[in-house]
Protein backbone atom coordinates (compact mmCIF):
# COMPACT_ATOMS: atom_id res chain seq x y z
CA MET A 1 -19.10 -66.68 -0.82
CA VAL A 2 -22.55 -67.80 0.33
CA ARG A 3 -21.55 -71.46 0.28
CA ASN A 4 -18.44 -70.78 2.39
CA TRP A 5 -20.45 -68.76 4.94
CA VAL A 6 -22.88 -71.64 5.37
CA TRP A 7 -19.97 -73.90 6.27
CA PHE A 8 -18.82 -71.36 8.85
CA VAL A 9 -22.19 -71.49 10.57
CA VAL A 10 -22.30 -75.30 10.58
CA LEU A 11 -18.82 -75.62 12.01
CA PHE A 12 -19.51 -73.05 14.72
CA THR A 13 -22.66 -74.92 15.75
CA VAL A 14 -20.80 -78.25 15.97
CA ALA A 15 -18.03 -76.69 18.04
CA ALA A 16 -20.41 -75.02 20.46
CA SER A 17 -22.93 -77.83 20.86
CA ASP A 18 -22.99 -80.48 23.57
CA ASP A 19 -24.00 -83.03 20.94
CA PHE A 20 -21.03 -84.89 19.52
CA ASN A 21 -21.51 -86.73 16.23
CA PRO A 22 -18.40 -88.95 15.93
CA ILE A 23 -18.85 -89.38 12.17
CA ASN A 24 -18.09 -85.67 11.71
CA TYR A 25 -14.65 -86.13 13.30
CA LEU A 26 -13.36 -89.25 11.55
CA TRP A 27 -10.76 -89.01 8.78
CA PRO A 28 -10.23 -91.10 6.75
CA LEU A 29 -13.69 -92.60 7.14
CA PRO A 30 -13.60 -96.25 8.28
CA GLN A 31 -14.98 -98.93 5.96
CA SER A 32 -17.72 -99.87 8.44
CA ILE A 33 -18.81 -97.96 11.52
CA LYS A 34 -21.90 -98.20 13.71
CA CYS A 35 -22.18 -95.84 16.67
CA ALA A 36 -24.63 -96.36 19.49
CA GLU A 37 -26.76 -93.22 19.56
CA GLY A 38 -26.26 -91.26 22.76
CA VAL A 39 -23.91 -93.87 24.25
CA GLN A 40 -20.58 -92.52 25.45
CA TYR A 41 -18.01 -93.23 28.12
CA ALA A 42 -16.11 -90.80 30.27
CA ILE A 43 -12.37 -91.18 29.87
CA SER A 44 -9.91 -89.79 32.40
CA GLU A 45 -6.19 -89.19 32.08
CA GLU A 46 -5.75 -90.41 35.66
CA THR A 47 -7.43 -93.80 35.16
CA PHE A 48 -7.34 -94.64 31.43
CA THR A 49 -4.70 -97.06 30.18
CA PHE A 50 -3.65 -98.70 26.95
CA GLN A 51 -3.11 -102.42 27.40
CA GLY A 52 -1.20 -104.58 24.93
CA SER A 53 -2.41 -108.11 24.34
CA GLY A 54 -1.62 -111.06 22.11
CA ALA A 55 1.72 -112.11 20.64
CA GLY A 56 2.67 -108.53 19.75
CA ALA A 57 1.82 -107.01 23.13
CA GLN A 58 5.41 -106.01 23.95
CA LEU A 59 6.48 -104.67 20.56
CA ALA A 60 8.39 -101.40 20.90
CA THR A 61 6.36 -99.82 18.10
CA LEU A 62 3.17 -100.54 20.02
CA THR A 63 4.33 -99.25 23.38
CA SER A 64 5.74 -96.04 21.86
CA THR A 65 2.42 -95.51 20.05
CA PHE A 66 0.59 -95.79 23.37
CA GLU A 67 2.77 -92.98 24.76
CA LEU A 68 2.25 -90.81 21.68
CA TYR A 69 -1.52 -91.11 21.60
CA ARG A 70 -1.99 -90.56 25.31
CA LYS A 71 -0.79 -86.99 24.64
CA PHE A 72 -3.24 -86.64 21.76
CA ILE A 73 -6.23 -88.02 23.65
CA PHE A 74 -5.62 -85.77 26.66
CA PRO A 75 -4.23 -82.50 25.30
CA ASN A 76 -5.61 -80.67 28.37
CA THR A 77 -4.87 -77.28 26.86
CA LEU A 78 -8.22 -75.51 27.25
CA ARG A 79 -10.01 -76.52 30.43
CA LYS A 80 -9.46 -78.65 33.52
CA PRO A 81 -11.41 -81.92 33.11
CA ASN A 82 -14.59 -82.15 35.20
CA VAL A 83 -16.20 -85.59 34.79
CA ALA A 84 -19.84 -85.97 35.87
CA ASP A 85 -20.36 -88.13 38.98
CA ASN A 86 -22.80 -90.48 37.23
CA ALA A 87 -20.68 -91.02 34.10
CA THR A 88 -19.68 -94.53 33.04
CA ILE A 89 -15.88 -94.68 32.94
CA LEU A 90 -13.91 -96.33 30.15
CA GLU A 91 -10.89 -97.72 31.94
CA LYS A 92 -8.80 -99.10 29.10
CA LEU A 93 -8.31 -99.84 25.43
CA VAL A 94 -7.05 -103.40 25.00
CA VAL A 95 -4.98 -103.67 21.82
CA GLU A 96 -4.69 -107.28 20.72
CA VAL A 97 -1.93 -107.81 18.12
CA ASP A 98 -1.66 -111.31 16.69
CA SER A 99 1.86 -111.14 15.20
CA THR A 100 5.32 -110.12 16.40
CA ASN A 101 6.42 -109.44 12.82
CA GLU A 102 7.28 -105.75 12.38
CA THR A 103 8.28 -106.01 8.71
CA LEU A 104 6.34 -103.47 6.65
CA LEU A 105 5.66 -104.69 3.11
CA LEU A 106 3.31 -104.01 0.24
CA ASP A 107 0.96 -106.76 1.44
CA THR A 108 1.16 -106.08 5.19
CA ASP A 109 -2.26 -106.44 6.80
CA GLU A 110 -3.41 -103.10 8.26
CA SER A 111 -6.97 -104.15 9.12
CA TYR A 112 -8.45 -103.76 12.59
CA THR A 113 -11.70 -103.85 14.54
CA ILE A 114 -12.85 -101.83 17.55
CA GLU A 115 -15.62 -102.85 19.96
CA PHE A 116 -16.79 -101.33 23.24
CA ASP A 117 -17.87 -103.20 26.36
CA THR A 118 -18.95 -102.04 29.82
CA ASN A 119 -15.71 -100.44 31.02
CA SER A 120 -13.28 -101.19 28.23
CA ALA A 121 -12.82 -101.16 24.48
CA THR A 122 -10.96 -103.78 22.45
CA LEU A 123 -8.97 -103.23 19.29
CA LYS A 124 -8.05 -106.41 17.41
CA THR A 125 -5.58 -106.55 14.54
CA PRO A 126 -3.23 -109.04 12.85
CA THR A 127 -0.22 -106.66 12.90
CA VAL A 128 1.21 -103.76 14.83
CA TYR A 129 0.56 -101.55 11.80
CA GLY A 130 -3.13 -102.34 12.00
CA ALA A 131 -2.84 -101.23 15.63
CA LEU A 132 -1.43 -97.86 14.52
CA ARG A 133 -4.38 -97.35 12.18
CA GLY A 134 -6.90 -98.40 14.80
CA ILE A 135 -5.43 -96.29 17.61
CA GLU A 136 -5.59 -93.23 15.36
CA THR A 137 -9.29 -93.94 14.76
CA PHE A 138 -9.90 -94.47 18.48
CA SER A 139 -8.26 -91.13 19.26
CA GLN A 140 -10.67 -89.43 16.84
CA LEU A 141 -13.65 -90.77 18.82
CA VAL A 142 -12.52 -88.85 21.92
CA TYR A 143 -13.83 -85.35 22.54
CA GLN A 144 -13.91 -82.80 25.34
CA ASP A 145 -17.20 -81.20 26.39
CA ASP A 146 -17.81 -77.64 27.57
CA THR A 147 -17.07 -78.57 31.20
CA GLY A 148 -13.62 -79.91 30.28
CA ALA A 149 -14.53 -83.59 30.66
CA TYR A 150 -13.30 -86.12 28.12
CA TYR A 151 -15.68 -88.62 26.53
CA VAL A 152 -15.37 -91.30 23.89
CA ALA A 153 -18.19 -92.31 21.58
CA SER A 154 -19.20 -95.98 21.62
CA CYS A 155 -18.74 -97.23 18.04
CA THR A 156 -18.24 -100.65 16.50
CA ILE A 157 -15.72 -100.38 13.70
CA SER A 158 -14.38 -102.82 11.12
CA ASP A 159 -11.77 -101.21 8.94
CA LYS A 160 -9.06 -101.86 6.39
CA PRO A 161 -7.44 -99.88 3.59
CA ARG A 162 -9.02 -99.88 0.16
CA PHE A 163 -5.52 -99.83 -1.38
CA GLN A 164 -2.25 -101.19 -0.03
CA PHE A 165 -0.05 -98.48 -1.57
CA ARG A 166 -0.82 -95.00 -0.22
CA SER A 167 2.09 -92.70 -0.85
CA ILE A 168 3.33 -89.13 -0.82
CA LEU A 169 6.23 -88.07 -3.05
CA VAL A 170 8.63 -85.61 -1.46
CA ASP A 171 11.17 -83.81 -3.66
CA THR A 172 14.34 -82.78 -1.78
CA SER A 173 16.46 -81.77 -4.76
CA ARG A 174 14.86 -78.56 -6.05
CA HIS A 175 14.74 -77.34 -2.46
CA TYR A 176 16.33 -79.01 0.52
CA ILE A 177 13.75 -79.98 3.15
CA PRO A 178 15.28 -80.10 6.67
CA MET A 179 15.02 -83.33 8.61
CA GLU A 180 12.83 -81.74 11.28
CA VAL A 181 10.23 -80.90 8.64
CA LEU A 182 10.39 -84.35 7.07
CA LEU A 183 9.81 -85.97 10.47
CA ARG A 184 6.77 -83.75 11.15
CA HIS A 185 5.49 -84.70 7.70
CA VAL A 186 5.80 -88.39 8.59
CA ASP A 187 3.76 -87.67 11.71
CA ALA A 188 1.04 -86.19 9.53
CA MET A 189 1.18 -89.26 7.29
CA LEU A 190 0.40 -91.36 10.37
CA TYR A 191 -2.59 -89.15 11.22
CA ASN A 192 -3.91 -89.65 7.66
CA LYS A 193 -3.08 -93.37 7.32
CA PHE A 194 -0.53 -93.06 4.49
CA ASN A 195 2.05 -95.84 4.39
CA VAL A 196 4.69 -94.94 1.76
CA LEU A 197 7.11 -92.00 1.67
CA HIS A 198 8.32 -91.82 -1.93
CA TRP A 199 11.59 -89.95 -1.44
CA HIS A 200 12.65 -88.27 -4.68
CA ILE A 201 15.92 -87.51 -3.03
CA VAL A 202 18.09 -86.26 -5.94
CA ASP A 203 17.53 -84.57 -9.32
CA ASP A 204 19.17 -82.15 -11.76
CA GLN A 205 19.36 -79.29 -9.28
CA SER A 206 21.18 -80.98 -6.39
CA PHE A 207 22.44 -84.30 -5.03
CA PRO A 208 21.86 -84.06 -1.26
CA TYR A 209 22.23 -87.80 -0.52
CA GLN A 210 25.62 -88.42 1.11
CA SER A 211 26.89 -91.66 -0.40
CA TYR A 212 29.54 -93.52 1.58
CA LEU A 213 30.92 -95.13 -1.58
CA PHE A 214 30.84 -91.98 -3.72
CA PRO A 215 31.12 -89.01 -1.33
CA ASP A 216 31.96 -86.65 -4.21
CA LEU A 217 28.39 -86.93 -5.44
CA SER A 218 27.11 -84.79 -2.57
CA GLU A 219 30.32 -82.87 -1.97
CA LYS A 220 30.19 -81.56 -5.54
CA GLY A 221 26.52 -82.05 -6.36
CA ALA A 222 24.67 -80.70 -3.30
CA TYR A 223 23.92 -76.99 -2.95
CA ASP A 224 26.48 -76.96 -0.13
CA GLN A 225 27.49 -79.18 2.77
CA ASN A 226 24.76 -77.77 4.99
CA HIS A 227 22.19 -79.10 2.56
CA ILE A 228 22.87 -82.83 2.63
CA TYR A 229 21.31 -85.92 4.19
CA SER A 230 23.97 -87.87 6.02
CA GLN A 231 23.82 -91.61 6.49
CA SER A 232 22.67 -90.89 10.04
CA ASP A 233 19.88 -88.65 8.74
CA VAL A 234 18.69 -91.30 6.31
CA SER A 235 18.74 -93.99 8.98
CA THR A 236 16.84 -91.73 11.39
CA LEU A 237 14.13 -91.00 8.84
CA ILE A 238 13.72 -94.67 7.89
CA GLU A 239 13.44 -95.81 11.51
CA TYR A 240 11.12 -92.98 12.47
CA ALA A 241 8.89 -93.62 9.48
CA MET A 242 8.73 -97.32 10.31
CA SER A 243 7.53 -96.48 13.81
CA ARG A 244 4.71 -94.52 12.17
CA GLY A 245 3.81 -97.33 9.78
CA VAL A 246 5.45 -95.67 6.78
CA ARG A 247 7.80 -97.32 4.29
CA VAL A 248 10.55 -95.19 2.73
CA ILE A 249 11.06 -95.87 -0.99
CA PRO A 250 13.95 -93.90 -2.49
CA GLU A 251 14.03 -92.66 -6.06
CA PHE A 252 17.31 -92.07 -7.89
CA ASP A 253 15.87 -91.00 -11.23
CA SER A 254 17.95 -91.82 -14.33
CA PRO A 255 19.15 -91.61 -17.06
CA GLY A 256 17.62 -88.12 -17.21
CA HIS A 257 17.33 -85.71 -14.28
CA THR A 258 20.97 -86.43 -13.40
CA PHE A 259 22.83 -83.17 -14.07
CA SER A 260 23.84 -82.87 -10.38
CA TRP A 261 25.62 -86.24 -10.60
CA GLY A 262 28.14 -85.05 -13.18
CA ASP A 263 30.75 -83.19 -11.14
CA GLY A 264 30.95 -85.97 -8.58
CA GLN A 265 31.30 -88.81 -11.09
CA PRO A 266 33.50 -87.97 -14.11
CA ASP A 267 32.51 -89.42 -17.49
CA LEU A 268 29.07 -90.42 -16.25
CA LEU A 269 27.04 -87.86 -18.21
CA THR A 270 26.83 -87.64 -21.98
CA PRO A 271 28.85 -84.78 -23.53
CA CYS A 272 26.55 -82.68 -25.71
CA TYR A 273 27.82 -81.19 -28.96
CA SER A 274 26.48 -77.96 -30.44
CA ASN A 275 27.22 -77.42 -34.12
CA SER A 276 30.19 -79.78 -33.71
CA THR A 277 31.46 -77.73 -30.75
CA PRO A 278 32.78 -80.17 -28.11
CA PRO A 279 31.35 -80.02 -24.57
CA GLU A 280 34.63 -78.93 -22.99
CA LYS A 281 34.01 -75.64 -24.76
CA ASN A 282 30.26 -75.29 -24.39
CA GLY A 283 29.95 -77.00 -20.99
CA HIS A 284 26.79 -78.88 -21.90
CA TYR A 285 26.10 -82.35 -20.59
CA GLY A 286 22.99 -84.48 -20.91
CA PRO A 287 21.60 -87.75 -19.58
CA ILE A 288 23.78 -90.57 -18.27
CA ASN A 289 26.00 -91.96 -21.02
CA PRO A 290 24.47 -95.38 -21.84
CA ILE A 291 27.28 -96.75 -24.03
CA LEU A 292 30.13 -96.90 -21.51
CA ASP A 293 30.87 -99.99 -19.42
CA SER A 294 32.08 -97.67 -16.67
CA THR A 295 28.51 -96.37 -16.36
CA TYR A 296 27.20 -99.76 -15.33
CA THR A 297 30.13 -100.50 -13.05
CA PHE A 298 29.27 -97.30 -11.19
CA LEU A 299 25.54 -98.10 -11.11
CA GLU A 300 26.21 -101.59 -9.76
CA SER A 301 28.09 -100.13 -6.81
CA LEU A 302 25.68 -97.25 -6.22
CA TYR A 303 22.60 -99.46 -6.24
CA LYS A 304 24.28 -102.01 -4.00
CA GLU A 305 24.72 -99.18 -1.50
CA ILE A 306 21.12 -98.01 -2.00
CA SER A 307 19.92 -101.57 -1.44
CA ASP A 308 21.88 -101.80 1.80
CA VAL A 309 20.85 -98.37 3.12
CA PHE A 310 17.16 -98.51 2.22
CA PRO A 311 15.68 -101.80 3.48
CA ASP A 312 12.35 -101.61 1.65
CA GLN A 313 11.65 -104.30 -0.93
CA TYR A 314 11.12 -101.60 -3.58
CA VAL A 315 13.23 -98.85 -5.11
CA HIS A 316 12.02 -96.32 -7.67
CA LEU A 317 14.21 -96.21 -10.79
CA GLY A 318 12.64 -93.13 -12.40
CA GLY A 319 12.99 -93.22 -16.18
CA ASP A 320 10.89 -90.19 -17.11
CA GLU A 321 11.46 -87.22 -19.38
CA VAL A 322 14.64 -88.41 -21.11
CA SER A 323 15.67 -85.94 -23.81
CA PHE A 324 17.35 -87.57 -26.80
CA ALA A 325 18.84 -84.30 -28.14
CA CYS A 326 22.18 -84.71 -26.38
CA TRP A 327 22.53 -88.35 -27.36
CA LYS A 328 21.78 -87.40 -30.98
CA SER A 329 24.50 -84.73 -30.92
CA ASN A 330 27.24 -87.01 -29.64
CA PRO A 331 29.40 -88.62 -32.38
CA ASP A 332 30.57 -91.48 -30.13
CA ILE A 333 26.98 -92.47 -29.42
CA GLN A 334 26.15 -92.25 -33.12
CA LYS A 335 29.03 -94.63 -33.94
CA TRP A 336 28.03 -97.03 -31.14
CA MET A 337 24.45 -97.14 -32.31
CA ALA A 338 25.52 -97.82 -35.89
CA ALA A 339 27.74 -100.65 -34.71
CA HIS A 340 24.82 -102.15 -32.78
CA ASN A 341 22.29 -101.64 -35.58
CA LEU A 342 20.23 -99.15 -33.61
CA THR A 343 18.49 -96.23 -35.30
CA ASP A 344 15.83 -95.41 -32.69
CA TYR A 345 16.99 -93.46 -29.64
CA ALA A 346 14.08 -94.91 -27.67
CA LYS A 347 15.82 -98.26 -28.18
CA LEU A 348 19.01 -96.76 -26.75
CA GLU A 349 17.04 -95.72 -23.68
CA GLU A 350 15.59 -99.23 -23.54
CA TYR A 351 19.15 -100.63 -23.63
CA TYR A 352 20.09 -98.47 -20.62
CA GLU A 353 16.96 -99.24 -18.65
CA GLN A 354 17.26 -102.97 -19.28
CA ARG A 355 20.80 -103.04 -17.98
CA LEU A 356 19.80 -101.00 -14.91
CA ILE A 357 16.84 -103.28 -14.27
CA ASP A 358 19.11 -106.31 -14.47
CA ILE A 359 21.47 -104.71 -11.91
CA VAL A 360 18.65 -104.00 -9.47
CA GLY A 361 17.09 -107.41 -10.06
CA LYS A 362 20.32 -109.17 -9.10
CA LEU A 363 20.22 -107.30 -5.79
CA GLY A 364 16.89 -108.93 -5.02
CA LYS A 365 14.99 -105.66 -5.20
CA SER A 366 11.66 -105.01 -6.84
CA TYR A 367 11.13 -101.66 -8.46
CA LEU A 368 8.77 -98.92 -9.48
CA VAL A 369 9.26 -96.96 -12.69
CA TRP A 370 7.58 -93.99 -14.31
CA GLN A 371 5.15 -94.78 -17.10
CA GLU A 372 7.60 -93.95 -19.92
CA ILE A 373 9.39 -97.24 -19.25
CA PHE A 374 6.21 -99.13 -20.08
CA ASP A 375 5.30 -96.78 -22.95
CA ASN A 376 8.70 -97.36 -24.59
CA GLY A 377 8.38 -101.14 -24.42
CA VAL A 378 11.15 -101.89 -21.93
CA LYS A 379 10.92 -105.45 -20.61
CA VAL A 380 10.30 -105.43 -16.87
CA LYS A 381 9.69 -108.05 -14.20
CA GLU A 382 6.16 -109.22 -13.47
CA ASP A 383 6.09 -107.55 -10.05
CA THR A 384 7.13 -104.15 -11.45
CA VAL A 385 4.89 -101.29 -10.37
CA ILE A 386 4.25 -98.65 -13.04
CA SER A 387 3.77 -95.08 -11.78
CA VAL A 388 1.26 -93.13 -13.88
CA TRP A 389 1.96 -89.41 -13.69
CA ARG A 390 1.02 -87.82 -16.99
CA GLY A 391 -2.38 -86.16 -16.93
CA ALA A 392 -3.12 -86.53 -20.64
CA LYS A 393 -4.88 -89.83 -21.39
CA MET A 394 -4.51 -90.90 -17.76
CA THR A 395 -7.38 -93.38 -17.87
CA GLU A 396 -6.17 -94.86 -21.14
CA GLU A 397 -2.72 -95.36 -19.63
CA LEU A 398 -4.17 -97.17 -16.61
CA ALA A 399 -6.18 -99.41 -18.92
CA ASN A 400 -3.15 -100.26 -21.07
CA ILE A 401 -0.84 -101.01 -18.15
CA THR A 402 -3.31 -103.25 -16.37
CA ALA A 403 -4.28 -104.99 -19.61
CA ALA A 404 -0.61 -105.95 -19.92
CA GLY A 405 -0.79 -107.51 -16.45
CA TYR A 406 1.28 -104.98 -14.49
CA LYS A 407 0.51 -103.40 -11.14
CA THR A 408 0.12 -99.64 -11.22
CA VAL A 409 -0.20 -96.60 -8.95
CA LEU A 410 -1.67 -93.23 -9.88
CA SER A 411 -0.43 -89.74 -9.11
CA SER A 412 -1.49 -87.78 -12.23
CA CYS A 413 -4.43 -86.04 -10.57
CA TRP A 414 -2.73 -85.46 -7.22
CA TYR A 415 0.11 -83.02 -7.94
CA LEU A 416 -0.31 -80.85 -4.85
CA ASN A 417 2.41 -78.41 -5.93
CA LYS A 418 -0.07 -77.08 -8.51
CA ILE A 419 -2.03 -74.52 -6.56
CA SER A 420 -5.08 -72.43 -7.40
CA TYR A 421 -7.38 -70.03 -5.60
CA GLY A 422 -10.37 -71.51 -3.83
CA GLU A 423 -11.28 -74.97 -2.63
CA ASP A 424 -8.97 -76.97 -4.87
CA TRP A 425 -9.11 -79.91 -2.45
CA LYS A 426 -12.39 -80.91 -4.08
CA LYS A 427 -10.76 -81.88 -7.37
CA TYR A 428 -8.29 -84.10 -5.53
CA TYR A 429 -11.13 -85.71 -3.60
CA ALA A 430 -13.03 -86.43 -6.82
CA CYS A 431 -10.20 -88.36 -8.50
CA ASP A 432 -10.33 -92.15 -8.26
CA PRO A 433 -7.57 -94.51 -9.50
CA GLN A 434 -10.07 -97.14 -10.61
CA HIS A 435 -12.15 -94.86 -12.80
CA PHE A 436 -11.13 -96.24 -16.19
CA ASN A 437 -12.54 -98.72 -18.67
CA GLY A 438 -11.27 -102.14 -17.66
CA THR A 439 -12.26 -105.50 -16.23
CA ALA A 440 -12.54 -106.24 -12.53
CA ALA A 441 -9.23 -108.13 -12.80
CA GLN A 442 -7.56 -105.06 -14.32
CA LYS A 443 -8.81 -102.81 -11.55
CA GLU A 444 -7.40 -105.22 -8.98
CA LEU A 445 -3.96 -104.43 -10.44
CA VAL A 446 -4.35 -100.81 -9.34
CA ILE A 447 -2.69 -101.13 -5.94
CA GLY A 448 -3.07 -97.49 -4.97
CA GLY A 449 -1.61 -94.13 -5.70
CA GLY A 450 -0.04 -91.11 -4.17
CA ALA A 451 0.09 -87.37 -3.79
CA ALA A 452 3.17 -85.58 -5.10
CA MET A 453 4.79 -82.36 -3.92
CA TRP A 454 7.41 -81.24 -6.41
CA ALA A 455 9.60 -78.60 -4.84
CA GLU A 456 10.40 -75.97 -7.45
CA TYR A 457 8.47 -73.47 -5.31
CA VAL A 458 8.34 -75.35 -2.02
CA ASP A 459 10.78 -75.38 0.89
CA SER A 460 10.56 -75.57 4.68
CA THR A 461 8.59 -72.30 4.84
CA ASN A 462 5.53 -73.70 3.05
CA PHE A 463 6.03 -77.46 2.69
CA LEU A 464 3.73 -78.63 5.49
CA SER A 465 1.02 -76.01 4.99
CA ARG A 466 0.82 -76.58 1.25
CA MET A 467 0.79 -80.35 1.76
CA TRP A 468 -1.89 -80.53 4.46
CA PRO A 469 -4.85 -80.91 4.56
CA ARG A 470 -4.94 -81.15 0.75
CA ALA A 471 -3.05 -84.48 0.94
CA SER A 472 -5.68 -85.68 3.42
CA THR A 473 -8.18 -85.87 0.57
CA VAL A 474 -5.90 -88.31 -1.22
CA GLY A 475 -5.51 -90.28 1.98
CA GLU A 476 -9.25 -90.81 2.30
CA ARG A 477 -9.65 -91.69 -1.37
CA LEU A 478 -7.00 -94.39 -1.00
CA TRP A 479 -8.29 -95.73 2.32
CA SER A 480 -12.08 -95.44 2.41
CA ASP A 481 -14.99 -97.00 0.56
CA PRO A 482 -15.76 -94.73 -2.42
CA VAL A 483 -19.50 -95.37 -2.03
CA ASN A 484 -19.45 -93.74 1.41
CA THR A 485 -17.12 -90.89 0.45
CA ASN A 486 -18.63 -89.49 -2.73
CA SER A 487 -19.87 -86.16 -1.37
CA THR A 488 -17.60 -83.14 -0.96
CA ASP A 489 -20.35 -81.43 1.06
CA LYS A 490 -20.30 -84.22 3.67
CA ALA A 491 -16.53 -84.45 3.54
CA ALA A 492 -16.05 -80.73 4.15
CA VAL A 493 -17.18 -80.80 7.80
CA ARG A 494 -15.07 -83.88 8.57
CA LEU A 495 -12.02 -82.53 6.76
CA ASP A 496 -12.16 -79.16 8.52
CA ASN A 497 -12.44 -80.87 11.90
CA HIS A 498 -9.50 -83.07 10.92
CA ARG A 499 -7.53 -79.98 9.97
CA CYS A 500 -8.18 -78.53 13.43
CA ARG A 501 -6.96 -81.79 14.95
CA MET A 502 -3.75 -81.60 12.92
CA LEU A 503 -3.20 -78.01 14.08
CA ARG A 504 -3.57 -79.18 17.67
CA ARG A 505 -0.92 -81.83 16.96
CA GLY A 506 1.54 -79.30 15.58
CA ILE A 507 0.93 -79.60 11.82
CA PRO A 508 0.37 -76.13 10.24
CA ALA A 509 -2.37 -77.34 7.88
CA GLU A 510 -3.72 -74.50 5.75
CA PRO A 511 -7.41 -73.47 5.86
CA LEU A 512 -9.98 -74.93 3.49
CA PHE A 513 -12.57 -72.13 3.62
CA PRO A 514 -13.73 -69.51 6.15
CA SER A 515 -13.95 -71.25 9.54
CA TYR A 516 -12.10 -71.42 12.83
CA CYS A 517 -10.52 -73.92 15.22
CA LEU A 518 -10.94 -73.90 19.00
CA GLU A 519 -7.15 -74.03 19.23
CA GLU A 520 -5.46 -72.05 16.47
CA TYR A 521 -1.95 -72.87 15.32
CA VAL A 522 0.87 -70.72 16.69
CA PRO A 523 4.32 -71.20 15.06
CA PRO A 524 6.79 -72.64 17.58
CA MET A 525 9.04 -69.58 17.48
CA LEU A 526 6.14 -67.25 18.30
CA SER A 527 4.85 -69.67 20.92
CA LYS A 528 8.18 -69.57 22.75
CA LYS A 529 8.23 -65.77 22.67
CA LYS A 530 4.70 -65.67 24.07
CA LYS A 531 5.68 -67.91 27.00
CA LYS A 532 8.55 -65.59 27.90
């Protein structure tokens, strides 16, 4: 309790003081930042402009970002601006983008620099996505003083992400998450410099993806027809995410986690026998049936559709938690295995995964898989990314995967659905995906990681608040230099200020410890009632 009260006092002092320390308001912390002490520019909504420059000056993503951040820089919700007569005015931010290429890939350059001159600041970047990252940082340098005037701190910044893959997994099967909530979540990803939405769109509980080739999958596998994502919904989310610098990577996990597929695709799942009782009497079905040619005919068509609908170079194939009990109970599978000289059910899983990988490979897609695929010895392409999710022996798993020459991403320590009382954000902040015994070359194969929000106990009522700002800690770990971000005490002030900023932007980020924000969050429904 004493420690939390100290933070309350510090935050109150910062909020009430005329002295603005820009470092305390930056999240994630840039790789390199030098601020001129006491040097600041007045910035006025009436005179300030964003100005595009370079080959990418007219890109739609850039111009729409200018419009978005003008609202953030000048919220004008507390006091009428009153700029001092002798203040030096910053007239514009020139954003120089070298490329017109708006393709967002694993290796897209998101670096940028910011420098201030007499009456203008310049942001330089190779790509429009570097511009998004830099404009977010610029917006965090702007503050409003007690008289209502806006100022921006003069800082020289050189920044780039530590890791190229910075993701958040969203589970929309256990509970359906409405599109409006997913779009607000993507906004928050922009504010925290994440760049991958890992969409775990279907699972055992429901199949909300509306396939145009296999409409029965959602008609019979979704909770109901009000809980589906139409093709229009999917397209909207992908395009919106791209405008925020976020790739959408879908996951259709198989052969396990597929119970919701069964009613919509007859003969796809394995019939499970219980004491020789056939499944038509006990109603039990297990993982996808790996011995039928019809299975792979279906998968070829489904993944062709997935490839067409989701433009990203990667798709997540799943492959985790496959129970062999149903396969072992099925006499047809037993006969097939005997005919193919197989005695190990892990080899049967390998047979399935290899055929699926071949299907996806022919479509020109690269893929991510859960760690079990690697653990079970399935042959995968060189550019496969292995997702490490099991907490036990996490560091050993990272060492083994990278020693084999594969890229990997970590999520084991960042399962945000696991909640506990107190400041649990600190344990997320302390985790680092390169903390394992390995060579420098091995650690280069760790391309990032991601937070995960599994939705057994999460829906639209608590999705955003449980996610943020706890996911922000993961964002900084994946973006910033670990040498400069190794103190939770120093991070606490910045993170709480960032939380207040997210509240002001409409994200209901939950509190970290006893504190307050100058503008508290009011749910939209209550806000509308108040205005009436």
